[in-house]
Amino acid sequence: MKVVVIGDLHGEFERLNVFIDQEHPDIILQCGDNAYYWKDDKENIGAIKPQNTKIYLIPGNHENWDIIEEKIGRYGKEPIEIEHNIFMCPIGSTLEINGRVILFVGGADSIDKQYRIWKRNWWEQELLKYEDFKYIENNVKKVDIVISHTCPEYFEMNRFSMTDRLRDPSRQILNFVYELYQPKLWYFGHWHMYKYGRYYDTDWVGLNMIDEGNWYRYLII
């Protein structure tokens, strides 16, 4: 089975379609900021051509969280199919592949929100809260792999001097997720850079945005 993890899309669905045509993956796990739900949820229906690929999207910070919470819900135990072979993954949803449980945790702080308009292109629900962690804790028993938008504070990103992202309270919530499950693998986007490391027994990978270097990685599962 060919499983691919990809970084931020920012609405570049045509480029995603080219990738699917070329690589024919069985499953794509996407790390947020896909912009499927942005200003109008109808404008992107049909934009992604999944063919036989199952695509799992998580919300990032540049998403319309009002639409997501109305149509999908903030929390959920399973990904929701929004089009044929396209799934949106609410906070706490899981997917099992070959016996390994993948946990989806979208959300992060927008560092550019001072330049955006509330409820038009910025939504405060983007921030992870302690209640989000409690939902996960109460509903998920085992986690092998995490797909999130940003990353725990435990993963060293401060050498890049992105102080706004470092102050994101969502990262503190992901610390709790890490401490509870200590997964073997963790993938995330948000930072628009490729970086990898190891924290105790967890191998983690931060992916670049689409069509920048190292914006996707094959997952051996």
N, C-alpha and C. Protein backbone atom coordinates (compact mmCIF):
# COMPACT_ATOMS: atom_id res chain seq x y z
N MET A 1 0.84 -1.20 0.00
CA MET A 1 0.00 0.00 0.00
C MET A 1 0.88 1.25 0.00
N LYS A 2 0.55 2.19 -0.89
CA LYS A 2 1.33 3.42 -1.03
C LYS A 2 0.61 4.55 -0.27
N VAL A 3 1.21 4.96 0.86
CA VAL A 3 0.65 6.01 1.70
C VAL A 3 1.60 7.21 1.68
N VAL A 4 1.04 8.39 1.44
CA VAL A 4 1.84 9.61 1.35
C VAL A 4 1.31 10.63 2.36
N VAL A 5 2.22 11.31 3.05
CA VAL A 5 1.88 12.44 3.91
C VAL A 5 2.31 13.70 3.21
N ILE A 6 1.43 14.70 3.13
CA ILE A 6 1.76 15.95 2.42
C ILE A 6 1.52 17.15 3.33
N GLY A 7 2.26 18.24 3.05
CA GLY A 7 2.15 19.47 3.83
C GLY A 7 1.02 20.36 3.37
N ASP A 8 1.14 21.65 3.67
CA ASP A 8 0.08 22.63 3.40
C ASP A 8 -0.20 22.74 1.90
N LEU A 9 -1.50 22.77 1.56
CA LEU A 9 -1.92 22.91 0.15
C LEU A 9 -2.25 24.35 -0.22
N HIS A 10 -2.87 25.08 0.70
CA HIS A 10 -3.30 26.46 0.43
C HIS A 10 -4.11 26.57 -0.86
N GLY A 11 -4.98 25.58 -1.08
CA GLY A 11 -5.87 25.63 -2.23
C GLY A 11 -5.26 25.26 -3.56
N GLU A 12 -4.03 24.75 -3.58
CA GLU A 12 -3.38 24.37 -4.83
C GLU A 12 -3.84 22.97 -5.25
N PHE A 13 -5.12 22.86 -5.54
CA PHE A 13 -5.71 21.55 -5.82
C PHE A 13 -5.28 21.00 -7.18
N GLU A 14 -5.04 21.87 -8.16
CA GLU A 14 -4.58 21.38 -9.46
C GLU A 14 -3.22 20.71 -9.33
N ARG A 15 -2.36 21.27 -8.51
CA ARG A 15 -1.05 20.65 -8.31
C ARG A 15 -1.20 19.32 -7.60
N LEU A 16 -2.12 19.24 -6.66
CA LEU A 16 -2.40 17.96 -6.00
C LEU A 16 -2.90 16.94 -7.01
N ASN A 17 -3.75 17.36 -7.93
CA ASN A 17 -4.27 16.44 -8.95
C ASN A 17 -3.15 15.90 -9.84
N VAL A 18 -2.19 16.76 -10.18
CA VAL A 18 -1.04 16.32 -10.98
C VAL A 18 -0.25 15.26 -10.21
N PHE A 19 -0.05 15.50 -8.93
CA PHE A 19 0.67 14.55 -8.09
C PHE A 19 -0.04 13.20 -8.07
N ILE A 20 -1.36 13.22 -7.93
CA ILE A 20 -2.13 11.98 -7.92
C ILE A 20 -2.00 11.26 -9.26
N ASP A 21 -2.06 12.01 -10.36
CA ASP A 21 -1.90 11.41 -11.70
C ASP A 21 -0.54 10.75 -11.86
N GLN A 22 0.48 11.36 -11.29
CA GLN A 22 1.84 10.86 -11.47
C GLN A 22 2.17 9.70 -10.53
N GLU A 23 1.73 9.79 -9.26
CA GLU A 23 2.18 8.85 -8.25
C GLU A 23 1.17 7.76 -7.92
N HIS A 24 -0.10 8.00 -8.16
CA HIS A 24 -1.16 7.03 -7.88
C HIS A 24 -1.08 6.45 -6.47
N PRO A 25 -1.04 7.29 -5.45
CA PRO A 25 -1.01 6.75 -4.09
C PRO A 25 -2.36 6.14 -3.71
N ASP A 26 -2.33 5.20 -2.79
CA ASP A 26 -3.57 4.63 -2.28
C ASP A 26 -4.22 5.57 -1.27
N ILE A 27 -3.39 6.21 -0.45
CA ILE A 27 -3.89 7.09 0.61
C ILE A 27 -3.00 8.33 0.69
N ILE A 28 -3.63 9.50 0.84
CA ILE A 28 -2.91 10.74 1.14
C ILE A 28 -3.39 11.25 2.49
N LEU A 29 -2.45 11.53 3.38
CA LEU A 29 -2.73 12.13 4.68
C LEU A 29 -2.19 13.56 4.63
N GLN A 30 -3.06 14.55 4.77
CA GLN A 30 -2.67 15.95 4.58
C GLN A 30 -2.64 16.69 5.91
N CYS A 31 -1.67 17.58 6.08
CA CYS A 31 -1.36 18.18 7.39
C CYS A 31 -1.97 19.56 7.61
N GLY A 32 -3.10 19.87 7.00
CA GLY A 32 -3.78 21.13 7.31
C GLY A 32 -3.46 22.26 6.38
N ASP A 33 -4.20 23.39 6.54
CA ASP A 33 -4.14 24.52 5.61
C ASP A 33 -4.36 24.04 4.17
N ASN A 34 -5.41 23.23 4.00
CA ASN A 34 -5.75 22.79 2.65
C ASN A 34 -6.66 23.78 1.95
N ALA A 35 -7.45 24.57 2.74
CA ALA A 35 -8.35 25.60 2.20
C ALA A 35 -9.50 25.01 1.39
N TYR A 36 -9.85 23.76 1.66
CA TYR A 36 -11.05 23.21 1.01
C TYR A 36 -12.28 24.01 1.45
N TYR A 37 -12.40 24.21 2.75
CA TYR A 37 -13.42 25.13 3.27
C TYR A 37 -12.72 26.46 3.57
N TRP A 38 -13.04 27.46 2.78
CA TRP A 38 -12.39 28.74 2.97
C TRP A 38 -13.46 29.82 3.02
N LYS A 39 -13.68 30.56 1.93
CA LYS A 39 -14.70 31.60 1.96
C LYS A 39 -16.08 31.05 1.65
N ASP A 40 -16.15 30.10 0.73
CA ASP A 40 -17.43 29.52 0.34
C ASP A 40 -17.19 28.04 0.13
N ASP A 41 -17.86 27.21 0.90
CA ASP A 41 -17.58 25.78 0.83
C ASP A 41 -17.93 25.19 -0.53
N LYS A 42 -18.78 25.85 -1.30
CA LYS A 42 -19.20 25.29 -2.59
C LYS A 42 -18.14 25.48 -3.67
N GLU A 43 -17.27 26.47 -3.52
CA GLU A 43 -16.36 26.79 -4.61
C GLU A 43 -15.32 25.72 -4.87
N ASN A 44 -15.05 24.84 -3.89
CA ASN A 44 -14.03 23.82 -4.06
C ASN A 44 -14.58 22.42 -4.30
N ILE A 45 -15.89 22.28 -4.33
CA ILE A 45 -16.47 20.98 -4.64
C ILE A 45 -16.07 20.57 -6.07
N GLY A 46 -15.47 19.41 -6.20
CA GLY A 46 -15.02 18.94 -7.51
C GLY A 46 -13.63 19.39 -7.90
N ALA A 47 -13.00 20.24 -7.08
CA ALA A 47 -11.67 20.74 -7.43
C ALA A 47 -10.60 19.68 -7.29
N ILE A 48 -10.77 18.78 -6.32
CA ILE A 48 -9.82 17.69 -6.12
C ILE A 48 -10.31 16.47 -6.90
N LYS A 49 -9.42 15.87 -7.68
CA LYS A 49 -9.75 14.69 -8.48
C LYS A 49 -9.04 13.47 -7.86
N PRO A 50 -9.69 12.83 -6.89
CA PRO A 50 -8.98 11.77 -6.14
C PRO A 50 -8.75 10.48 -6.91
N GLN A 51 -9.54 10.25 -7.96
CA GLN A 51 -9.48 8.97 -8.67
C GLN A 51 -9.66 7.83 -7.66
N ASN A 52 -8.70 6.93 -7.57
CA ASN A 52 -8.80 5.82 -6.61
C ASN A 52 -8.07 6.09 -5.30
N THR A 53 -7.55 7.30 -5.15
CA THR A 53 -6.82 7.68 -3.95
C THR A 53 -7.79 8.18 -2.88
N LYS A 54 -7.64 7.69 -1.66
CA LYS A 54 -8.39 8.23 -0.54
C LYS A 54 -7.58 9.35 0.10
N ILE A 55 -8.21 10.52 0.23
CA ILE A 55 -7.51 11.72 0.70
C ILE A 55 -8.12 12.15 2.03
N TYR A 56 -7.26 12.29 3.04
CA TYR A 56 -7.68 12.69 4.37
C TYR A 56 -7.13 14.07 4.68
N LEU A 57 -8.02 15.05 4.87
CA LEU A 57 -7.66 16.43 5.11
C LEU A 57 -7.91 16.78 6.57
N ILE A 58 -7.00 17.55 7.18
CA ILE A 58 -7.27 18.08 8.52
C ILE A 58 -7.32 19.61 8.42
N PRO A 59 -8.06 20.26 9.32
CA PRO A 59 -8.07 21.72 9.32
C PRO A 59 -6.75 22.28 9.86
N GLY A 60 -6.33 23.37 9.27
CA GLY A 60 -5.18 24.09 9.80
C GLY A 60 -5.65 25.35 10.48
N ASN A 61 -4.93 26.45 10.26
CA ASN A 61 -5.40 27.74 10.76
C ASN A 61 -6.04 28.56 9.65
N HIS A 62 -5.62 28.38 8.41
CA HIS A 62 -6.23 29.10 7.30
C HIS A 62 -7.36 28.26 6.69
N GLU A 63 -8.40 28.09 7.50
CA GLU A 63 -9.61 27.39 7.07
C GLU A 63 -10.80 28.16 7.63
N ASN A 64 -11.98 27.95 7.05
CA ASN A 64 -13.20 28.53 7.58
C ASN A 64 -13.76 27.60 8.65
N TRP A 65 -13.42 27.88 9.89
CA TRP A 65 -13.82 27.00 10.98
C TRP A 65 -15.32 27.06 11.25
N ASP A 66 -15.98 28.14 10.89
CA ASP A 66 -17.44 28.18 11.03
C ASP A 66 -18.08 27.10 10.17
N ILE A 67 -17.64 26.99 8.92
CA ILE A 67 -18.19 25.97 8.02
C ILE A 67 -17.81 24.57 8.50
N ILE A 68 -16.56 24.42 8.92
CA ILE A 68 -16.10 23.10 9.38
C ILE A 68 -16.93 22.63 10.57
N GLU A 69 -17.15 23.52 11.55
CA GLU A 69 -17.89 23.10 12.73
C GLU A 69 -19.36 22.88 12.43
N GLU A 70 -19.89 23.61 11.45
CA GLU A 70 -21.29 23.41 11.07
C GLU A 70 -21.50 22.11 10.31
N LYS A 71 -20.63 21.83 9.36
CA LYS A 71 -20.82 20.69 8.47
C LYS A 71 -20.17 19.41 8.98
N ILE A 72 -19.01 19.53 9.62
CA ILE A 72 -18.24 18.36 10.03
C ILE A 72 -18.29 18.15 11.53
N GLY A 73 -18.28 19.25 12.27
CA GLY A 73 -18.16 19.19 13.72
C GLY A 73 -16.71 19.37 14.13
N ARG A 74 -16.51 19.97 15.29
CA ARG A 74 -15.13 20.18 15.76
C ARG A 74 -14.48 18.86 16.14
N TYR A 75 -15.26 17.99 16.80
CA TYR A 75 -14.76 16.71 17.25
C TYR A 75 -15.43 15.58 16.46
N GLY A 76 -14.80 14.44 16.49
CA GLY A 76 -15.40 13.28 15.86
C GLY A 76 -14.49 12.08 15.98
N LYS A 77 -15.09 10.91 16.02
CA LYS A 77 -14.29 9.70 16.17
C LYS A 77 -13.75 9.18 14.84
N GLU A 78 -14.42 9.55 13.74
CA GLU A 78 -14.01 9.05 12.43
C GLU A 78 -13.97 10.18 11.41
N PRO A 79 -13.12 10.07 10.40
CA PRO A 79 -13.14 11.04 9.29
C PRO A 79 -14.50 11.03 8.59
N ILE A 80 -14.90 12.18 8.07
CA ILE A 80 -16.18 12.36 7.41
C ILE A 80 -15.95 12.48 5.90
N GLU A 81 -16.63 11.66 5.12
CA GLU A 81 -16.49 11.72 3.66
C GLU A 81 -17.30 12.91 3.14
N ILE A 82 -16.63 13.91 2.57
CA ILE A 82 -17.30 15.11 2.08
C ILE A 82 -17.51 15.07 0.57
N GLU A 83 -16.70 14.30 -0.13
CA GLU A 83 -16.88 13.96 -1.54
C GLU A 83 -16.35 12.54 -1.70
N HIS A 84 -16.58 11.97 -2.87
CA HIS A 84 -16.09 10.62 -3.10
C HIS A 84 -14.58 10.55 -2.87
N ASN A 85 -14.17 9.71 -1.92
CA ASN A 85 -12.76 9.47 -1.57
C ASN A 85 -12.06 10.69 -0.97
N ILE A 86 -12.81 11.70 -0.54
CA ILE A 86 -12.22 12.86 0.13
C ILE A 86 -12.84 12.95 1.52
N PHE A 87 -12.00 12.95 2.54
CA PHE A 87 -12.46 12.92 3.92
C PHE A 87 -11.91 14.13 4.68
N MET A 88 -12.76 14.74 5.50
CA MET A 88 -12.31 15.77 6.43
C MET A 88 -12.23 15.13 7.80
N CYS A 89 -11.14 15.40 8.51
CA CYS A 89 -10.86 14.70 9.77
C CYS A 89 -11.00 15.66 10.95
N PRO A 90 -12.10 15.56 11.70
CA PRO A 90 -12.24 16.42 12.87
C PRO A 90 -11.22 16.08 13.95
N ILE A 91 -11.09 16.97 14.90
CA ILE A 91 -10.16 16.76 16.01
C ILE A 91 -10.53 15.47 16.75
N GLY A 92 -9.56 14.59 16.93
CA GLY A 92 -9.78 13.34 17.65
C GLY A 92 -10.18 12.17 16.79
N SER A 93 -10.36 12.39 15.49
CA SER A 93 -10.71 11.27 14.62
C SER A 93 -9.48 10.40 14.36
N THR A 94 -9.73 9.13 14.08
CA THR A 94 -8.64 8.18 13.86
C THR A 94 -8.89 7.35 12.62
N LEU A 95 -7.80 6.82 12.10
CA LEU A 95 -7.83 5.93 10.96
C LEU A 95 -6.86 4.80 11.24
N GLU A 96 -7.27 3.56 11.00
CA GLU A 96 -6.39 2.42 11.22
C GLU A 96 -5.95 1.87 9.87
N ILE A 97 -4.62 1.76 9.69
CA ILE A 97 -4.05 1.19 8.48
C ILE A 97 -3.07 0.09 8.90
N ASN A 98 -3.33 -1.12 8.44
CA ASN A 98 -2.46 -2.26 8.76
C ASN A 98 -2.18 -2.38 10.26
N GLY A 99 -3.22 -2.15 11.06
CA GLY A 99 -3.10 -2.32 12.50
C GLY A 99 -2.50 -1.14 13.24
N ARG A 100 -2.14 -0.09 12.53
CA ARG A 100 -1.55 1.10 13.18
C ARG A 100 -2.59 2.22 13.19
N VAL A 101 -2.76 2.83 14.35
CA VAL A 101 -3.79 3.85 14.55
C VAL A 101 -3.19 5.24 14.32
N ILE A 102 -3.82 5.99 13.41
CA ILE A 102 -3.41 7.34 13.08
C ILE A 102 -4.41 8.31 13.70
N LEU A 103 -3.92 9.27 14.47
CA LEU A 103 -4.75 10.29 15.12
C LEU A 103 -4.60 11.61 14.36
N PHE A 104 -5.73 12.26 14.09
CA PHE A 104 -5.75 13.55 13.40
C PHE A 104 -6.08 14.67 14.40
N VAL A 105 -5.22 15.70 14.42
CA VAL A 105 -5.44 16.84 15.31
C VAL A 105 -5.15 18.12 14.54
N GLY A 106 -6.18 18.72 13.94
CA GLY A 106 -5.99 19.98 13.22
C GLY A 106 -5.99 21.18 14.16
N GLY A 107 -5.64 22.35 13.59
CA GLY A 107 -5.68 23.58 14.37
C GLY A 107 -4.30 24.14 14.69
N ALA A 108 -4.22 25.48 14.70
CA ALA A 108 -2.99 26.20 15.06
C ALA A 108 -3.31 27.69 15.05
N ASP A 109 -2.40 28.48 15.58
CA ASP A 109 -2.58 29.92 15.63
C ASP A 109 -2.09 30.57 14.34
N SER A 110 -2.88 31.51 13.80
CA SER A 110 -2.47 32.28 12.62
C SER A 110 -1.56 33.43 13.06
N ILE A 111 -0.33 33.41 12.61
CA ILE A 111 0.59 34.48 13.00
C ILE A 111 0.31 35.77 12.24
N ASP A 112 -0.51 35.69 11.19
CA ASP A 112 -0.81 36.87 10.38
C ASP A 112 -2.23 37.39 10.62
N LYS A 113 -2.85 37.00 11.73
CA LYS A 113 -4.26 37.37 11.93
C LYS A 113 -4.47 38.88 12.07
N GLN A 114 -3.41 39.62 12.45
CA GLN A 114 -3.56 41.08 12.54
C GLN A 114 -3.81 41.71 11.18
N TYR A 115 -3.51 40.97 10.12
CA TYR A 115 -3.75 41.47 8.76
C TYR A 115 -5.02 40.90 8.16
N ARG A 116 -5.76 40.12 8.93
CA ARG A 116 -6.95 39.46 8.43
C ARG A 116 -8.20 40.02 9.11
N ILE A 117 -9.36 39.62 8.62
CA ILE A 117 -10.63 40.12 9.13
C ILE A 117 -11.36 38.97 9.81
N TRP A 118 -11.75 39.20 11.06
CA TRP A 118 -12.44 38.19 11.86
C TRP A 118 -13.72 37.75 11.16
N LYS A 119 -13.90 36.43 11.10
CA LYS A 119 -15.05 35.79 10.49
C LYS A 119 -15.10 35.91 8.96
N ARG A 120 -14.10 36.54 8.37
CA ARG A 120 -14.01 36.56 6.91
C ARG A 120 -12.83 35.72 6.43
N ASN A 121 -11.67 35.91 7.01
CA ASN A 121 -10.53 35.06 6.67
C ASN A 121 -9.67 34.75 7.90
N TRP A 122 -10.30 34.83 9.07
CA TRP A 122 -9.66 34.39 10.31
C TRP A 122 -10.76 34.01 11.30
N TRP A 123 -10.60 32.85 11.95
CA TRP A 123 -11.58 32.33 12.90
C TRP A 123 -10.87 31.91 14.17
N GLU A 124 -11.38 32.35 15.31
CA GLU A 124 -10.70 32.07 16.57
C GLU A 124 -10.73 30.60 16.95
N GLN A 125 -11.64 29.82 16.34
CA GLN A 125 -11.71 28.38 16.67
C GLN A 125 -10.48 27.61 16.19
N GLU A 126 -9.62 28.28 15.42
CA GLU A 126 -8.40 27.62 14.93
C GLU A 126 -7.50 27.16 16.06
N LEU A 127 -7.56 27.82 17.21
CA LEU A 127 -6.68 27.49 18.33
C LEU A 127 -7.14 26.21 19.02
N LEU A 128 -6.20 25.33 19.29
CA LEU A 128 -6.51 24.16 20.09
C LEU A 128 -6.71 24.57 21.55
N LYS A 129 -7.66 23.90 22.22
CA LYS A 129 -8.00 24.19 23.60
C LYS A 129 -7.85 22.92 24.44
N TYR A 130 -7.84 23.12 25.76
CA TYR A 130 -7.72 21.97 26.65
C TYR A 130 -8.89 21.01 26.47
N GLU A 131 -10.07 21.56 26.15
CA GLU A 131 -11.24 20.71 25.91
C GLU A 131 -11.02 19.77 24.73
N ASP A 132 -10.24 20.22 23.75
CA ASP A 132 -9.91 19.37 22.61
C ASP A 132 -9.10 18.16 23.06
N PHE A 133 -8.13 18.42 23.93
CA PHE A 133 -7.34 17.31 24.46
C PHE A 133 -8.20 16.36 25.27
N LYS A 134 -9.11 16.88 26.09
CA LYS A 134 -9.95 16.01 26.91
C LYS A 134 -10.83 15.13 26.04
N TYR A 135 -11.31 15.67 24.91
CA TYR A 135 -12.09 14.83 24.00
C TYR A 135 -11.24 13.68 23.49
N ILE A 136 -10.02 13.99 23.07
CA ILE A 136 -9.12 12.95 22.56
C ILE A 136 -8.84 11.92 23.65
N GLU A 137 -8.51 12.39 24.82
CA GLU A 137 -8.18 11.49 25.93
C GLU A 137 -9.33 10.54 26.25
N ASN A 138 -10.56 11.05 26.18
CA ASN A 138 -11.72 10.24 26.54
C ASN A 138 -12.18 9.30 25.43
N ASN A 139 -11.70 9.48 24.22
CA ASN A 139 -12.24 8.71 23.10
C ASN A 139 -11.21 7.89 22.32
N VAL A 140 -9.94 8.13 22.56
CA VAL A 140 -8.89 7.44 21.81
C VAL A 140 -8.00 6.68 22.79
N LYS A 141 -7.89 5.40 22.60
CA LYS A 141 -7.14 4.57 23.55
C LYS A 141 -5.70 4.31 23.10
N LYS A 142 -5.49 4.24 21.80
CA LYS A 142 -4.16 3.89 21.29
C LYS A 142 -3.83 4.76 20.10
N VAL A 143 -2.58 5.23 20.03
CA VAL A 143 -2.13 6.04 18.89
C VAL A 143 -0.72 5.61 18.52
N ASP A 144 -0.52 5.31 17.24
CA ASP A 144 0.82 4.99 16.73
C ASP A 144 1.44 6.15 15.96
N ILE A 145 0.59 6.91 15.26
CA ILE A 145 1.04 8.00 14.39
C ILE A 145 0.11 9.19 14.59
N VAL A 146 0.68 10.40 14.66
CA VAL A 146 -0.13 11.62 14.73
C VAL A 146 0.08 12.43 13.46
N ILE A 147 -1.03 12.93 12.91
CA ILE A 147 -1.01 13.91 11.82
C ILE A 147 -1.63 15.18 12.40
N SER A 148 -0.85 16.24 12.50
CA SER A 148 -1.34 17.50 13.06
C SER A 148 -0.92 18.65 12.15
N HIS A 149 -1.43 19.85 12.48
CA HIS A 149 -1.03 21.01 11.68
C HIS A 149 0.25 21.61 12.22
N THR A 150 0.25 22.03 13.48
CA THR A 150 1.49 22.45 14.10
C THR A 150 2.03 21.29 14.94
N CYS A 151 3.03 21.55 15.76
CA CYS A 151 3.70 20.46 16.48
C CYS A 151 3.79 20.78 17.97
N PRO A 152 4.07 19.77 18.81
CA PRO A 152 4.28 20.04 20.23
C PRO A 152 5.48 20.95 20.46
N GLU A 153 5.47 21.61 21.61
CA GLU A 153 6.63 22.42 21.99
C GLU A 153 7.88 21.58 22.16
N TYR A 154 7.70 20.31 22.42
CA TYR A 154 8.84 19.42 22.63
C TYR A 154 9.71 19.28 21.38
N PHE A 155 9.15 19.52 20.21
CA PHE A 155 9.91 19.37 18.98
C PHE A 155 10.63 20.68 18.69
N GLU A 156 11.93 20.63 18.58
CA GLU A 156 12.76 21.84 18.49
C GLU A 156 12.58 22.55 17.15
N MET A 157 11.93 23.71 17.20
CA MET A 157 11.77 24.54 16.01
C MET A 157 12.32 25.95 16.23
N ASN A 158 12.79 26.27 17.44
CA ASN A 158 13.13 27.65 17.77
C ASN A 158 14.37 28.17 17.08
N ARG A 159 15.18 27.32 16.51
CA ARG A 159 16.38 27.81 15.84
C ARG A 159 16.06 28.63 14.60
N PHE A 160 14.81 28.57 14.14
CA PHE A 160 14.42 29.31 12.95
C PHE A 160 13.84 30.68 13.29
N SER A 161 13.83 31.04 14.60
CA SER A 161 13.43 32.38 15.05
C SER A 161 12.02 32.76 14.65
N MET A 162 11.13 31.76 14.54
CA MET A 162 9.73 32.06 14.25
C MET A 162 8.99 32.19 15.58
N THR A 163 9.19 33.33 16.24
CA THR A 163 8.73 33.49 17.62
C THR A 163 7.22 33.44 17.74
N ASP A 164 6.48 33.90 16.74
CA ASP A 164 5.02 33.87 16.84
C ASP A 164 4.51 32.44 16.86
N ARG A 165 5.05 31.59 16.02
CA ARG A 165 4.63 30.20 16.03
C ARG A 165 5.06 29.51 17.32
N LEU A 166 6.18 29.93 17.89
CA LEU A 166 6.65 29.33 19.13
C LEU A 166 5.70 29.62 20.29
N ARG A 167 5.01 30.76 20.24
CA ARG A 167 4.10 31.14 21.32
C ARG A 167 2.71 30.55 21.17
N ASP A 168 2.47 29.79 20.16
CA ASP A 168 1.16 29.22 19.88
C ASP A 168 0.71 28.32 21.02
N PRO A 169 -0.40 28.65 21.72
CA PRO A 169 -0.88 27.77 22.80
C PRO A 169 -1.33 26.40 22.31
N SER A 170 -1.60 26.27 21.01
CA SER A 170 -1.95 24.96 20.47
C SER A 170 -0.82 23.95 20.68
N ARG A 171 0.40 24.43 20.68
CA ARG A 171 1.54 23.53 20.87
C ARG A 171 1.55 22.94 22.28
N GLN A 172 1.06 23.70 23.25
CA GLN A 172 0.97 23.17 24.61
C GLN A 172 -0.04 22.03 24.69
N ILE A 173 -1.15 22.19 23.96
CA ILE A 173 -2.14 21.12 23.94
C ILE A 173 -1.55 19.87 23.29
N LEU A 174 -0.77 20.05 22.25
CA LEU A 174 -0.14 18.90 21.59
C LEU A 174 0.92 18.25 22.49
N ASN A 175 1.49 19.01 23.42
CA ASN A 175 2.36 18.40 24.43
C ASN A 175 1.59 17.34 25.21
N PHE A 176 0.35 17.69 25.60
CA PHE A 176 -0.47 16.74 26.36
C PHE A 176 -0.74 15.49 25.53
N VAL A 177 -1.02 15.68 24.23
CA VAL A 177 -1.26 14.55 23.34
C VAL A 177 -0.02 13.66 23.29
N TYR A 178 1.14 14.31 23.16
CA TYR A 178 2.39 13.54 23.11
C TYR A 178 2.57 12.73 24.40
N GLU A 179 2.41 13.39 25.54
CA GLU A 179 2.65 12.72 26.83
C GLU A 179 1.71 11.54 27.04
N LEU A 180 0.49 11.66 26.56
CA LEU A 180 -0.49 10.59 26.75
C LEU A 180 -0.18 9.37 25.90
N TYR A 181 0.23 9.60 24.64
CA TYR A 181 0.34 8.48 23.69
C TYR A 181 1.77 8.13 23.31
N GLN A 182 2.67 9.10 23.34
CA GLN A 182 4.06 8.88 22.92
C GLN A 182 4.12 8.06 21.62
N PRO A 183 3.56 8.61 20.55
CA PRO A 183 3.49 7.87 19.28
C PRO A 183 4.87 7.63 18.68
N LYS A 184 4.94 6.67 17.80
CA LYS A 184 6.21 6.36 17.15
C LYS A 184 6.55 7.36 16.04
N LEU A 185 5.50 7.91 15.38
CA LEU A 185 5.70 8.85 14.28
C LEU A 185 4.77 10.04 14.45
N TRP A 186 5.25 11.23 14.03
CA TRP A 186 4.44 12.44 14.10
C TRP A 186 4.79 13.31 12.89
N TYR A 187 3.76 13.67 12.11
CA TYR A 187 3.94 14.53 10.94
C TYR A 187 3.12 15.80 11.12
N PHE A 188 3.66 16.92 10.63
CA PHE A 188 2.94 18.19 10.71
C PHE A 188 3.38 19.11 9.57
N GLY A 189 2.61 20.17 9.37
CA GLY A 189 2.94 21.19 8.36
C GLY A 189 3.14 22.53 9.04
N HIS A 190 2.39 23.56 8.62
CA HIS A 190 2.28 24.86 9.28
C HIS A 190 3.52 25.73 9.20
N TRP A 191 4.69 25.16 9.41
CA TRP A 191 5.91 25.97 9.50
C TRP A 191 6.49 26.31 8.14
N HIS A 192 5.99 25.67 7.09
CA HIS A 192 6.46 25.92 5.73
C HIS A 192 7.96 25.68 5.58
N MET A 193 8.39 24.62 6.18
CA MET A 193 9.79 24.21 6.07
C MET A 193 9.88 22.72 6.32
N TYR A 194 10.96 22.14 5.82
CA TYR A 194 11.19 20.71 6.05
C TYR A 194 12.20 20.56 7.17
N LYS A 195 11.79 19.82 8.19
CA LYS A 195 12.68 19.57 9.30
C LYS A 195 12.26 18.26 9.95
N TYR A 196 13.22 17.52 10.45
CA TYR A 196 12.90 16.26 11.10
C TYR A 196 13.79 16.08 12.32
N GLY A 197 13.35 15.24 13.22
CA GLY A 197 14.12 14.99 14.43
C GLY A 197 13.56 13.79 15.18
N ARG A 198 14.07 13.61 16.36
CA ARG A 198 13.62 12.52 17.22
C ARG A 198 13.50 13.05 18.64
N TYR A 199 12.37 12.80 19.25
CA TYR A 199 12.15 13.18 20.65
C TYR A 199 11.84 11.91 21.42
N TYR A 200 12.79 11.48 22.25
CA TYR A 200 12.71 10.19 22.89
C TYR A 200 12.45 9.11 21.83
N ASP A 201 11.32 8.40 21.89
CA ASP A 201 11.09 7.32 20.93
C ASP A 201 10.22 7.74 19.75
N THR A 202 9.99 9.05 19.59
CA THR A 202 9.13 9.54 18.51
C THR A 202 9.96 10.18 17.41
N ASP A 203 9.83 9.68 16.20
CA ASP A 203 10.41 10.32 15.02
C ASP A 203 9.40 11.32 14.47
N TRP A 204 9.81 12.58 14.29
CA TRP A 204 8.88 13.59 13.81
C TRP A 204 9.40 14.27 12.54
N VAL A 205 8.46 14.69 11.70
CA VAL A 205 8.78 15.31 10.42
C VAL A 205 7.88 16.51 10.21
N GLY A 206 8.47 17.67 9.97
CA GLY A 206 7.74 18.85 9.55
C GLY A 206 7.89 19.01 8.04
N LEU A 207 6.77 19.10 7.33
CA LEU A 207 6.78 19.14 5.87
C LEU A 207 6.61 20.57 5.35
N ASN A 208 7.22 20.83 4.22
CA ASN A 208 7.10 22.11 3.55
C ASN A 208 5.73 22.25 2.91
N MET A 209 5.42 23.44 2.40
CA MET A 209 4.18 23.63 1.66
C MET A 209 4.33 23.11 0.25
N ILE A 210 3.21 22.90 -0.42
CA ILE A 210 3.18 22.21 -1.70
C ILE A 210 4.10 22.88 -2.73
N ASP A 211 4.83 22.03 -3.44
CA ASP A 211 5.77 22.40 -4.50
C ASP A 211 7.02 23.12 -4.02
N GLU A 212 7.18 23.25 -2.69
CA GLU A 212 8.48 23.61 -2.14
C GLU A 212 9.23 22.32 -1.84
N GLY A 213 10.50 22.41 -1.59
CA GLY A 213 11.27 21.19 -1.36
C GLY A 213 10.74 20.38 -0.20
N ASN A 214 10.66 19.07 -0.37
CA ASN A 214 10.25 18.16 0.69
C ASN A 214 8.86 18.47 1.23
N TRP A 215 7.89 18.60 0.33
CA TRP A 215 6.51 18.85 0.75
C TRP A 215 5.71 17.57 0.95
N TYR A 216 6.31 16.42 0.63
CA TYR A 216 5.61 15.16 0.88
C TYR A 216 6.64 14.09 1.25
N ARG A 217 6.16 13.08 1.94
CA ARG A 217 6.96 11.93 2.30
C ARG A 217 6.12 10.67 2.24
N TYR A 218 6.72 9.58 1.74
CA TYR A 218 6.05 8.29 1.76
C TYR A 218 6.12 7.71 3.16
N LEU A 219 5.01 7.14 3.59
CA LEU A 219 4.92 6.55 4.91
C LEU A 219 4.96 5.03 4.78
N ILE A 220 5.95 4.42 5.39
CA ILE A 220 6.06 2.96 5.36
C ILE A 220 5.18 2.41 6.47
N ILE A 221 4.14 1.70 6.08
CA ILE A 221 3.16 1.26 7.07
C ILE A 221 2.61 -0.12 6.70
